[in-house]
């Protein structure tokens, strides 16, 4: 039964096209035969071990577990798709980083940190990608929107939580960064708020 469970989980992760939580994997089985949390986690560990020396890996992200191509093999696999990955401006990536590290944050606060006005198209693009959303409103005149990142943001960047973001001191100086960086487009309908400790 143990190996059968592992194969069922593997098939579900391959077919889902999105990360699956332990609870969602348990619900694949009839209620009277649902494996326990520890049993499912054990099958996931066994599956991860099976992939140790292969081109794919089992990765835990914010929304659960997924099977993915190892990052070091991405340049070769990317050749399968003719379309170029989405290109995002430095301004968009800076805005996303500010939101990730300082959330919840208002548009005005982002502009204050960056020192320039924030384009509406940048915020729209980040919301369309599902990486940020309105997480509330600051109790000030005009009730400015507070922005925060989503589970889709964490999933896309292979993070289980915001604690896995590099420390700001580890990041390179923005002036040394290339003006445009390439990122693959993410498709997600997740809209969960993810908060960072202050």
N, C-alpha and C. Protein backbone atom coordinates (compact mmCIF):
# COMPACT_ATOMS: atom_id res chain seq x y z
N UNK A 1 0.83 -1.21 0.00
CA UNK A 1 0.00 0.00 0.00
C UNK A 1 0.86 1.25 0.00
N UNK A 2 2.06 1.17 0.67
CA UNK A 2 2.93 2.33 0.77
C UNK A 2 3.40 2.80 -0.61
N UNK A 3 3.85 1.84 -1.45
CA UNK A 3 4.31 2.22 -2.78
C UNK A 3 3.14 2.67 -3.64
N UNK A 4 1.97 2.06 -3.47
CA UNK A 4 0.79 2.49 -4.22
C UNK A 4 0.41 3.93 -3.87
N UNK A 5 0.47 4.26 -2.59
CA UNK A 5 0.18 5.62 -2.13
C UNK A 5 1.16 6.61 -2.78
N UNK A 6 2.43 6.25 -2.80
CA UNK A 6 3.45 7.12 -3.40
C UNK A 6 3.14 7.36 -4.88
N UNK A 7 2.74 6.31 -5.60
CA UNK A 7 2.43 6.44 -7.03
C UNK A 7 1.18 7.28 -7.25
N UNK A 8 0.19 7.13 -6.38
CA UNK A 8 -1.04 7.93 -6.51
C UNK A 8 -0.71 9.40 -6.29
N UNK A 9 0.08 9.68 -5.28
CA UNK A 9 0.48 11.07 -4.99
C UNK A 9 1.28 11.63 -6.15
N UNK A 10 2.21 10.86 -6.67
CA UNK A 10 3.02 11.30 -7.81
C UNK A 10 2.13 11.63 -9.00
N UNK A 11 1.20 10.75 -9.31
CA UNK A 11 0.29 10.98 -10.44
C UNK A 11 -0.55 12.23 -10.23
N UNK A 12 -1.05 12.42 -9.01
CA UNK A 12 -1.87 13.59 -8.71
C UNK A 12 -1.06 14.87 -8.87
N UNK A 13 0.18 14.89 -8.38
CA UNK A 13 1.03 16.08 -8.49
C UNK A 13 1.36 16.39 -9.94
N UNK A 14 1.57 15.36 -10.73
CA UNK A 14 1.85 15.57 -12.15
C UNK A 14 0.63 16.09 -12.90
N UNK A 15 -0.53 15.58 -12.54
CA UNK A 15 -1.76 15.94 -13.26
C UNK A 15 -2.34 17.28 -12.82
N UNK A 16 -2.07 17.69 -11.59
CA UNK A 16 -2.74 18.87 -11.03
C UNK A 16 -2.37 20.17 -11.73
N UNK A 17 -1.13 20.33 -12.10
CA UNK A 17 -0.72 21.58 -12.72
C UNK A 17 -0.59 22.73 -11.73
N UNK A 18 -0.67 22.43 -10.43
CA UNK A 18 -0.53 23.43 -9.37
C UNK A 18 -0.10 22.70 -8.11
N UNK A 19 0.45 23.41 -7.14
CA UNK A 19 0.85 22.74 -5.90
C UNK A 19 -0.37 22.17 -5.17
N UNK A 20 -0.18 21.04 -4.50
CA UNK A 20 -1.24 20.40 -3.72
C UNK A 20 -0.79 20.28 -2.27
N UNK A 21 -1.67 20.64 -1.36
CA UNK A 21 -1.37 20.53 0.07
C UNK A 21 -1.54 19.08 0.52
N UNK A 22 -1.03 18.77 1.70
CA UNK A 22 -1.18 17.43 2.27
C UNK A 22 -2.67 17.12 2.43
N UNK A 23 -3.44 18.10 2.91
CA UNK A 23 -4.88 17.89 3.10
C UNK A 23 -5.58 17.57 1.78
N UNK A 24 -5.19 18.27 0.73
CA UNK A 24 -5.82 18.02 -0.58
C UNK A 24 -5.44 16.64 -1.10
N UNK A 25 -4.21 16.21 -0.84
CA UNK A 25 -3.79 14.86 -1.25
C UNK A 25 -4.58 13.81 -0.47
N UNK A 26 -4.83 14.07 0.81
CA UNK A 26 -5.61 13.12 1.61
C UNK A 26 -7.03 12.98 1.05
N UNK A 27 -7.59 14.09 0.55
CA UNK A 27 -8.96 14.06 0.05
C UNK A 27 -9.11 13.31 -1.28
N UNK A 28 -7.99 12.84 -1.85
CA UNK A 28 -8.07 12.01 -3.06
C UNK A 28 -8.69 10.65 -2.74
N UNK A 29 -8.67 10.28 -1.47
CA UNK A 29 -9.11 8.95 -1.05
C UNK A 29 -10.47 9.03 -0.37
N UNK A 30 -11.24 7.94 -0.42
CA UNK A 30 -12.52 7.93 0.28
C UNK A 30 -12.29 8.20 1.77
N UNK A 31 -13.26 8.82 2.41
CA UNK A 31 -13.10 9.26 3.80
C UNK A 31 -12.72 8.12 4.74
N UNK A 32 -13.29 6.94 4.51
CA UNK A 32 -12.99 5.82 5.41
C UNK A 32 -11.62 5.19 5.15
N UNK A 33 -10.94 5.60 4.06
CA UNK A 33 -9.62 5.05 3.75
C UNK A 33 -8.56 6.14 3.56
N UNK A 34 -8.82 7.32 4.10
CA UNK A 34 -7.86 8.41 3.97
C UNK A 34 -6.61 8.12 4.78
N UNK A 35 -5.43 8.24 4.14
CA UNK A 35 -4.20 8.06 4.91
C UNK A 35 -3.99 9.24 5.85
N UNK A 36 -3.32 9.01 6.96
CA UNK A 36 -3.04 10.08 7.92
C UNK A 36 -2.01 11.07 7.38
N UNK A 37 -1.93 12.19 8.04
CA UNK A 37 -0.99 13.23 7.62
C UNK A 37 0.44 12.71 7.60
N UNK A 38 0.84 11.99 8.63
CA UNK A 38 2.20 11.46 8.71
C UNK A 38 2.49 10.48 7.57
N UNK A 39 1.49 9.68 7.20
CA UNK A 39 1.66 8.70 6.12
C UNK A 39 1.85 9.43 4.79
N UNK A 40 1.05 10.47 4.54
CA UNK A 40 1.18 11.24 3.29
C UNK A 40 2.55 11.92 3.26
N UNK A 41 2.94 12.52 4.38
CA UNK A 41 4.25 13.19 4.43
C UNK A 41 5.38 12.18 4.20
N UNK A 42 5.22 10.98 4.73
CA UNK A 42 6.22 9.93 4.51
C UNK A 42 6.33 9.56 3.04
N UNK A 43 5.18 9.47 2.36
CA UNK A 43 5.18 9.16 0.93
C UNK A 43 5.84 10.29 0.14
N UNK A 44 5.63 11.55 0.56
CA UNK A 44 6.26 12.69 -0.10
C UNK A 44 7.78 12.66 0.08
N UNK A 45 8.24 12.29 1.27
CA UNK A 45 9.68 12.18 1.53
C UNK A 45 10.27 11.08 0.65
N UNK A 46 9.58 9.95 0.54
CA UNK A 46 10.06 8.84 -0.29
C UNK A 46 10.11 9.27 -1.76
N UNK A 47 9.11 10.02 -2.20
CA UNK A 47 9.08 10.50 -3.58
C UNK A 47 10.25 11.46 -3.83
N UNK A 48 10.50 12.36 -2.89
CA UNK A 48 11.62 13.30 -3.02
C UNK A 48 12.95 12.55 -3.12
N UNK A 49 13.08 11.48 -2.34
CA UNK A 49 14.31 10.67 -2.39
C UNK A 49 14.45 10.00 -3.75
N UNK A 50 13.34 9.53 -4.32
CA UNK A 50 13.37 8.91 -5.64
C UNK A 50 13.92 9.87 -6.70
N UNK A 51 13.65 11.17 -6.52
CA UNK A 51 14.05 12.18 -7.51
C UNK A 51 15.44 12.75 -7.26
N UNK A 52 16.14 12.30 -6.22
CA UNK A 52 17.42 12.89 -5.83
C UNK A 52 18.41 13.04 -6.97
N UNK A 53 18.51 12.07 -7.83
CA UNK A 53 19.51 12.10 -8.91
C UNK A 53 18.83 12.12 -10.27
N UNK A 54 17.75 12.89 -10.35
CA UNK A 54 17.00 12.97 -11.61
C UNK A 54 16.84 14.42 -12.00
N UNK A 55 16.25 14.65 -13.16
CA UNK A 55 16.08 16.00 -13.67
C UNK A 55 14.91 16.74 -13.07
N UNK A 56 14.12 16.06 -12.26
CA UNK A 56 12.97 16.69 -11.61
C UNK A 56 13.14 16.60 -10.10
N UNK A 57 12.36 17.42 -9.39
CA UNK A 57 12.42 17.40 -7.94
C UNK A 57 11.03 17.63 -7.38
N UNK A 58 10.84 17.21 -6.13
CA UNK A 58 9.62 17.52 -5.39
C UNK A 58 9.94 18.74 -4.57
N UNK A 59 9.16 19.80 -4.76
CA UNK A 59 9.42 21.07 -4.08
C UNK A 59 8.21 21.47 -3.26
N UNK A 60 8.45 21.86 -2.00
CA UNK A 60 7.37 22.40 -1.17
C UNK A 60 7.40 23.91 -1.29
N UNK A 61 6.27 24.48 -1.68
CA UNK A 61 6.10 25.93 -1.77
C UNK A 61 4.94 26.32 -0.86
N UNK A 62 4.56 27.58 -0.90
CA UNK A 62 3.53 28.07 0.03
C UNK A 62 2.20 27.32 -0.08
N UNK A 63 1.79 26.94 -1.29
CA UNK A 63 0.50 26.30 -1.49
C UNK A 63 0.52 24.79 -1.32
N UNK A 64 1.70 24.21 -1.17
CA UNK A 64 1.78 22.77 -1.03
C UNK A 64 3.01 22.21 -1.73
N UNK A 65 2.83 21.05 -2.36
CA UNK A 65 3.94 20.36 -3.02
C UNK A 65 3.69 20.32 -4.52
N UNK A 66 4.80 20.33 -5.29
CA UNK A 66 4.70 20.19 -6.74
C UNK A 66 5.95 19.50 -7.25
N UNK A 67 5.80 18.87 -8.40
CA UNK A 67 6.92 18.26 -9.09
C UNK A 67 7.35 19.26 -10.15
N UNK A 68 8.65 19.56 -10.19
CA UNK A 68 9.14 20.56 -11.13
C UNK A 68 10.51 20.19 -11.67
N UNK A 69 10.89 20.83 -12.75
CA UNK A 69 12.21 20.66 -13.33
C UNK A 69 13.22 21.32 -12.38
N UNK A 70 14.35 20.69 -12.19
CA UNK A 70 15.39 21.29 -11.35
C UNK A 70 15.84 22.61 -11.98
N UNK A 71 16.06 23.61 -11.14
CA UNK A 71 16.40 24.96 -11.60
C UNK A 71 17.62 24.97 -12.51
N UNK A 72 18.62 24.14 -12.22
CA UNK A 72 19.83 24.14 -13.02
C UNK A 72 19.62 23.61 -14.44
N UNK A 73 18.49 22.95 -14.66
CA UNK A 73 18.19 22.41 -16.00
C UNK A 73 17.23 23.31 -16.79
N UNK A 74 16.74 24.37 -16.17
CA UNK A 74 15.76 25.25 -16.81
C UNK A 74 16.21 25.82 -18.15
N UNK A 75 17.48 26.22 -18.33
CA UNK A 75 17.87 26.78 -19.63
C UNK A 75 17.65 25.81 -20.80
N UNK A 76 17.84 24.52 -20.56
CA UNK A 76 17.63 23.54 -21.63
C UNK A 76 16.14 23.31 -21.87
N UNK A 77 15.39 23.17 -20.81
CA UNK A 77 13.96 22.91 -20.93
C UNK A 77 13.25 24.10 -21.55
N UNK A 78 13.71 25.30 -21.26
CA UNK A 78 13.08 26.52 -21.81
C UNK A 78 13.12 26.54 -23.33
N UNK A 79 14.04 25.82 -23.93
CA UNK A 79 14.14 25.78 -25.40
C UNK A 79 12.93 25.10 -26.04
N UNK A 80 12.13 24.40 -25.26
CA UNK A 80 10.94 23.73 -25.79
C UNK A 80 9.85 24.71 -26.19
N UNK A 81 9.87 25.89 -25.61
CA UNK A 81 8.83 26.87 -25.90
C UNK A 81 9.40 27.98 -26.76
N UNK A 82 8.73 28.25 -27.88
CA UNK A 82 9.20 29.26 -28.81
C UNK A 82 9.02 30.68 -28.25
N UNK A 83 7.96 30.88 -27.50
CA UNK A 83 7.68 32.22 -26.98
C UNK A 83 8.75 32.63 -25.96
N UNK A 84 9.15 33.86 -26.03
CA UNK A 84 10.12 34.38 -25.07
C UNK A 84 9.44 34.62 -23.73
N UNK A 85 10.17 34.44 -22.65
CA UNK A 85 9.58 34.74 -21.35
C UNK A 85 9.25 36.22 -21.24
N UNK A 86 8.33 36.54 -20.35
CA UNK A 86 7.95 37.93 -20.16
C UNK A 86 9.13 38.75 -19.67
N UNK A 87 9.20 39.99 -20.12
CA UNK A 87 10.27 40.89 -19.69
C UNK A 87 9.65 41.95 -18.80
N UNK A 88 10.24 42.14 -17.68
CA UNK A 88 9.74 43.12 -16.73
C UNK A 88 10.81 44.17 -16.49
N UNK A 89 10.37 45.39 -16.38
CA UNK A 89 11.29 46.49 -16.18
C UNK A 89 11.88 46.46 -14.77
N UNK A 90 12.96 47.18 -14.64
CA UNK A 90 13.59 47.31 -13.33
C UNK A 90 12.62 47.95 -12.34
N UNK A 91 11.84 48.93 -12.82
CA UNK A 91 10.87 49.61 -11.94
C UNK A 91 9.84 48.63 -11.39
N UNK A 92 9.37 47.72 -12.23
CA UNK A 92 8.38 46.73 -11.79
C UNK A 92 9.00 45.80 -10.75
N UNK A 93 10.22 45.33 -11.01
CA UNK A 93 10.87 44.41 -10.09
C UNK A 93 11.21 45.09 -8.76
N UNK A 94 11.61 46.35 -8.82
CA UNK A 94 11.87 47.10 -7.58
C UNK A 94 10.58 47.25 -6.77
N UNK A 95 9.49 47.56 -7.47
CA UNK A 95 8.20 47.72 -6.79
C UNK A 95 7.78 46.42 -6.12
N UNK A 96 7.92 45.31 -6.83
CA UNK A 96 7.58 44.01 -6.27
C UNK A 96 8.44 43.70 -5.04
N UNK A 97 9.73 44.00 -5.11
CA UNK A 97 10.62 43.75 -3.98
C UNK A 97 10.22 44.61 -2.77
N UNK A 98 9.88 45.86 -3.02
CA UNK A 98 9.47 46.74 -1.92
C UNK A 98 8.21 46.20 -1.24
N UNK A 99 7.25 45.75 -2.05
CA UNK A 99 6.02 45.19 -1.48
C UNK A 99 6.34 43.93 -0.68
N UNK A 100 7.18 43.06 -1.23
CA UNK A 100 7.51 41.80 -0.55
C UNK A 100 8.18 42.04 0.80
N UNK A 101 9.08 43.00 0.86
CA UNK A 101 9.84 43.24 2.08
C UNK A 101 9.15 44.17 3.07
N UNK A 102 8.23 45.05 2.60
CA UNK A 102 7.66 46.06 3.48
C UNK A 102 6.16 45.94 3.67
N UNK A 103 5.53 44.91 3.17
CA UNK A 103 4.08 44.78 3.23
C UNK A 103 3.53 44.71 4.65
N UNK A 104 2.30 45.14 4.88
CA UNK A 104 1.42 45.81 3.93
C UNK A 104 1.87 47.26 3.72
N UNK A 105 1.77 47.74 2.50
CA UNK A 105 2.31 49.04 2.14
C UNK A 105 1.41 49.73 1.14
N UNK A 106 1.33 51.05 1.25
CA UNK A 106 0.49 51.83 0.33
C UNK A 106 1.30 52.25 -0.89
N UNK A 107 0.60 52.64 -1.91
CA UNK A 107 1.24 53.14 -3.13
C UNK A 107 2.11 54.36 -2.82
N UNK A 108 1.60 55.27 -1.98
CA UNK A 108 2.36 56.45 -1.60
C UNK A 108 3.66 56.11 -0.90
N UNK A 109 3.62 55.09 -0.04
CA UNK A 109 4.84 54.66 0.66
C UNK A 109 5.85 54.05 -0.31
N UNK A 110 5.34 53.32 -1.32
CA UNK A 110 6.23 52.76 -2.35
C UNK A 110 6.91 53.89 -3.10
N UNK A 111 6.13 54.91 -3.48
CA UNK A 111 6.68 56.05 -4.21
C UNK A 111 7.71 56.78 -3.36
N UNK A 112 7.47 56.88 -2.07
CA UNK A 112 8.41 57.55 -1.17
C UNK A 112 9.74 56.79 -1.11
N UNK A 113 9.68 55.47 -1.05
CA UNK A 113 10.89 54.65 -1.00
C UNK A 113 11.65 54.73 -2.32
N UNK A 114 10.93 54.64 -3.44
CA UNK A 114 11.57 54.66 -4.76
C UNK A 114 11.99 56.07 -5.17
N UNK A 115 11.32 57.09 -4.63
CA UNK A 115 11.67 58.46 -4.97
C UNK A 115 11.11 58.95 -6.28
N UNK A 116 10.19 58.18 -6.88
CA UNK A 116 9.55 58.57 -8.14
C UNK A 116 8.09 58.14 -8.10
N UNK A 117 7.28 58.74 -8.98
CA UNK A 117 5.87 58.36 -9.08
C UNK A 117 5.77 56.93 -9.59
N UNK A 118 4.77 56.23 -9.13
CA UNK A 118 4.58 54.82 -9.49
C UNK A 118 3.56 54.71 -10.61
N UNK A 119 3.94 54.07 -11.69
CA UNK A 119 3.06 53.89 -12.84
C UNK A 119 1.89 52.96 -12.50
N UNK A 120 0.70 53.34 -12.94
CA UNK A 120 -0.48 52.49 -12.74
C UNK A 120 -0.31 51.15 -13.43
N UNK A 121 0.38 51.13 -14.57
CA UNK A 121 0.56 49.87 -15.31
C UNK A 121 1.41 48.88 -14.53
N UNK A 122 2.33 49.36 -13.72
CA UNK A 122 3.15 48.44 -12.91
C UNK A 122 2.27 47.71 -11.90
N UNK A 123 1.44 48.46 -11.18
CA UNK A 123 0.57 47.83 -10.19
C UNK A 123 -0.43 46.89 -10.86
N UNK A 124 -0.95 47.30 -12.01
CA UNK A 124 -1.90 46.46 -12.74
C UNK A 124 -1.23 45.15 -13.17
N UNK A 125 -0.01 45.25 -13.70
CA UNK A 125 0.71 44.05 -14.14
C UNK A 125 0.95 43.10 -12.97
N UNK A 126 1.37 43.63 -11.83
CA UNK A 126 1.62 42.79 -10.66
C UNK A 126 0.34 42.12 -10.17
N UNK A 127 -0.78 42.83 -10.24
CA UNK A 127 -2.07 42.24 -9.84
C UNK A 127 -2.54 41.21 -10.86
N UNK A 128 -2.35 41.49 -12.15
CA UNK A 128 -2.76 40.53 -13.19
C UNK A 128 -1.96 39.23 -13.09
N UNK A 129 -0.69 39.32 -12.71
CA UNK A 129 0.13 38.13 -12.53
C UNK A 129 -0.29 37.35 -11.29
N UNK A 130 -1.07 38.00 -10.42
CA UNK A 130 -1.49 37.34 -9.19
C UNK A 130 -0.44 37.39 -8.10
N UNK A 131 0.56 38.26 -8.25
CA UNK A 131 1.65 38.34 -7.27
C UNK A 131 1.32 39.26 -6.11
N UNK A 132 0.45 40.27 -6.33
CA UNK A 132 0.05 41.16 -5.25
C UNK A 132 -1.46 41.35 -5.28
N UNK A 133 -2.01 41.83 -4.18
CA UNK A 133 -3.43 42.17 -4.13
C UNK A 133 -3.65 43.19 -3.02
N UNK A 134 -4.83 43.79 -3.05
CA UNK A 134 -5.19 44.75 -2.01
C UNK A 134 -5.50 43.95 -0.75
N UNK A 135 -4.72 44.21 0.29
CA UNK A 135 -4.84 43.44 1.53
C UNK A 135 -5.63 44.19 2.61
N UNK A 136 -6.07 45.39 2.30
CA UNK A 136 -6.81 46.20 3.26
C UNK A 136 -6.66 47.66 2.92
N UNK A 137 -7.01 48.51 3.87
CA UNK A 137 -6.92 49.96 3.67
C UNK A 137 -6.37 50.60 4.93
N UNK A 138 -5.47 51.56 4.75
CA UNK A 138 -4.91 52.28 5.88
C UNK A 138 -5.97 53.25 6.41
N UNK A 139 -6.18 53.31 7.72
CA UNK A 139 -7.21 54.19 8.28
C UNK A 139 -6.77 55.66 8.29
N UNK A 140 -6.60 56.20 7.10
CA UNK A 140 -6.22 57.59 6.90
C UNK A 140 -7.23 58.23 5.95
N UNK A 141 -7.24 59.55 5.83
CA UNK A 141 -8.14 60.18 4.86
C UNK A 141 -7.91 59.60 3.46
N UNK A 142 -8.99 59.29 2.79
CA UNK A 142 -8.92 58.65 1.48
C UNK A 142 -8.77 57.15 1.53
N UNK A 143 -8.54 56.61 2.73
CA UNK A 143 -8.39 55.15 2.94
C UNK A 143 -7.53 54.50 1.86
N UNK A 144 -6.23 54.85 1.79
CA UNK A 144 -5.36 54.28 0.75
C UNK A 144 -5.25 52.76 0.87
N UNK A 145 -5.21 52.10 -0.28
CA UNK A 145 -5.11 50.64 -0.33
C UNK A 145 -3.76 50.19 0.20
N UNK A 146 -3.78 49.07 0.92
CA UNK A 146 -2.56 48.42 1.39
C UNK A 146 -2.31 47.21 0.49
N UNK A 147 -1.11 47.09 -0.02
CA UNK A 147 -0.77 45.99 -0.92
C UNK A 147 0.10 44.96 -0.20
N UNK A 148 -0.14 43.70 -0.52
CA UNK A 148 0.64 42.60 0.01
C UNK A 148 0.83 41.55 -1.06
N UNK A 149 1.77 40.65 -0.84
CA UNK A 149 2.01 39.57 -1.80
C UNK A 149 1.02 38.43 -1.57
N UNK A 150 0.96 37.52 -2.51
CA UNK A 150 0.03 36.39 -2.46
C UNK A 150 0.80 35.07 -2.41
N UNK A 151 0.07 34.01 -2.21
CA UNK A 151 0.67 32.67 -2.29
C UNK A 151 1.22 32.43 -3.70
N UNK A 152 0.56 32.97 -4.71
CA UNK A 152 1.04 32.81 -6.09
C UNK A 152 2.44 33.41 -6.24
N UNK A 153 2.70 34.52 -5.57
CA UNK A 153 4.04 35.12 -5.58
C UNK A 153 5.05 34.13 -5.01
N UNK A 154 4.75 33.58 -3.85
CA UNK A 154 5.66 32.62 -3.22
C UNK A 154 5.86 31.39 -4.10
N UNK A 155 4.75 30.87 -4.64
CA UNK A 155 4.85 29.68 -5.48
C UNK A 155 5.73 29.94 -6.71
N UNK A 156 5.51 31.09 -7.35
CA UNK A 156 6.25 31.41 -8.57
C UNK A 156 7.75 31.51 -8.30
N UNK A 157 8.11 32.10 -7.18
CA UNK A 157 9.52 32.29 -6.86
C UNK A 157 10.09 31.16 -6.00
N UNK A 158 9.36 30.03 -5.95
CA UNK A 158 9.85 28.82 -5.27
C UNK A 158 10.10 29.02 -3.78
N UNK A 159 9.23 29.77 -3.14
CA UNK A 159 9.38 30.05 -1.72
C UNK A 159 8.26 29.39 -0.93
N UNK A 160 8.59 28.85 0.22
CA UNK A 160 7.58 28.27 1.10
C UNK A 160 6.96 29.38 1.95
N UNK A 161 7.78 30.37 2.34
CA UNK A 161 7.30 31.50 3.11
C UNK A 161 8.21 32.70 2.86
N UNK A 162 7.80 33.87 3.33
CA UNK A 162 8.61 35.07 3.13
C UNK A 162 9.92 35.01 3.91
N UNK A 163 10.00 34.15 4.92
CA UNK A 163 11.25 34.00 5.66
C UNK A 163 12.36 33.47 4.77
N UNK A 164 12.01 32.86 3.63
CA UNK A 164 13.03 32.35 2.71
C UNK A 164 13.58 33.42 1.77
N UNK A 165 12.99 34.63 1.80
CA UNK A 165 13.56 35.72 1.01
C UNK A 165 14.96 36.01 1.53
N UNK A 166 15.90 36.35 0.64
CA UNK A 166 17.23 36.69 1.15
C UNK A 166 17.17 37.96 1.99
N UNK A 167 18.08 38.06 2.95
CA UNK A 167 18.15 39.28 3.76
C UNK A 167 18.53 40.43 2.85
N UNK A 168 18.01 41.61 3.15
CA UNK A 168 18.31 42.77 2.32
C UNK A 168 19.81 43.00 2.19
N UNK A 169 20.57 42.71 3.22
CA UNK A 169 22.02 42.91 3.19
C UNK A 169 22.70 41.98 2.19
N UNK A 170 22.03 40.86 1.82
CA UNK A 170 22.62 39.91 0.88
C UNK A 170 22.39 40.31 -0.57
N UNK A 171 21.44 41.21 -0.80
CA UNK A 171 21.10 41.58 -2.17
C UNK A 171 22.14 42.51 -2.75
N UNK A 172 22.37 42.37 -4.07
CA UNK A 172 23.30 43.24 -4.76
C UNK A 172 22.72 44.64 -4.85
N UNK A 173 23.58 45.60 -5.04
CA UNK A 173 23.17 46.98 -5.24
C UNK A 173 22.34 47.05 -6.52
N UNK A 174 21.18 47.72 -6.45
CA UNK A 174 20.30 47.83 -7.62
C UNK A 174 21.02 48.46 -8.80
N UNK A 175 21.97 49.36 -8.56
CA UNK A 175 22.65 50.03 -9.65
C UNK A 175 23.51 49.06 -10.46
N UNK A 176 23.86 47.91 -9.89
CA UNK A 176 24.65 46.93 -10.61
C UNK A 176 23.77 45.97 -11.40
N UNK A 177 22.47 45.99 -11.15
CA UNK A 177 21.56 45.07 -11.83
C UNK A 177 21.36 45.50 -13.27
N UNK A 178 21.05 44.54 -14.12
CA UNK A 178 20.73 44.86 -15.51
C UNK A 178 19.42 45.62 -15.54
N UNK A 179 19.22 46.52 -16.53
CA UNK A 179 17.99 47.30 -16.57
C UNK A 179 16.74 46.46 -16.75
N UNK A 180 16.85 45.30 -17.40
CA UNK A 180 15.68 44.44 -17.57
C UNK A 180 16.09 43.02 -17.24
N UNK A 181 15.23 42.31 -16.53
CA UNK A 181 15.47 40.92 -16.20
C UNK A 181 14.37 40.08 -16.80
N UNK A 182 14.68 38.85 -17.17
CA UNK A 182 13.67 37.98 -17.75
C UNK A 182 13.06 37.10 -16.67
N UNK A 183 11.74 36.95 -16.72
CA UNK A 183 11.02 36.06 -15.83
C UNK A 183 9.98 35.33 -16.65
N UNK A 184 9.71 34.08 -16.32
CA UNK A 184 8.63 33.37 -16.99
C UNK A 184 7.31 33.85 -16.42
N UNK A 185 6.27 33.87 -17.25
CA UNK A 185 4.96 34.32 -16.79
C UNK A 185 4.34 33.26 -15.90
N UNK A 186 3.69 33.70 -14.85
CA UNK A 186 3.02 32.78 -13.92
C UNK A 186 1.53 32.85 -14.14
N UNK A 187 0.88 31.72 -14.07
CA UNK A 187 -0.58 31.64 -14.15
C UNK A 187 -1.08 31.15 -12.82
N UNK A 188 -1.86 31.95 -12.15
CA UNK A 188 -2.41 31.53 -10.87
C UNK A 188 -3.65 32.32 -10.55
N UNK A 189 -4.58 31.66 -9.88
CA UNK A 189 -5.76 32.38 -9.43
C UNK A 189 -5.75 32.50 -7.91
N UNK A 190 -4.60 32.20 -7.29
CA UNK A 190 -4.50 32.32 -5.84
C UNK A 190 -4.56 33.78 -5.43
N UNK A 191 -5.16 34.06 -4.28
CA UNK A 191 -5.27 35.44 -3.84
C UNK A 191 -5.15 35.53 -2.33
N UNK A 192 -4.26 34.69 -1.75
CA UNK A 192 -4.09 34.70 -0.31
C UNK A 192 -3.06 35.75 0.09
N UNK A 193 -3.35 36.45 1.16
CA UNK A 193 -2.42 37.44 1.67
C UNK A 193 -1.26 36.74 2.37
N UNK A 194 -0.05 37.23 2.13
CA UNK A 194 1.11 36.71 2.82
C UNK A 194 1.78 37.90 3.48
N UNK A 195 1.93 37.85 4.80
CA UNK A 195 2.47 38.99 5.55
C UNK A 195 3.91 38.71 5.92
N UNK A 196 4.67 39.76 6.03
CA UNK A 196 6.06 39.64 6.47
C UNK A 196 6.18 40.26 7.87
N UNK A 197 7.04 39.65 8.66
CA UNK A 197 7.24 40.20 10.01
C UNK A 197 7.94 41.55 9.88
N UNK A 198 7.49 42.52 10.72
CA UNK A 198 7.86 43.88 10.66
C UNK A 198 9.27 44.28 10.73
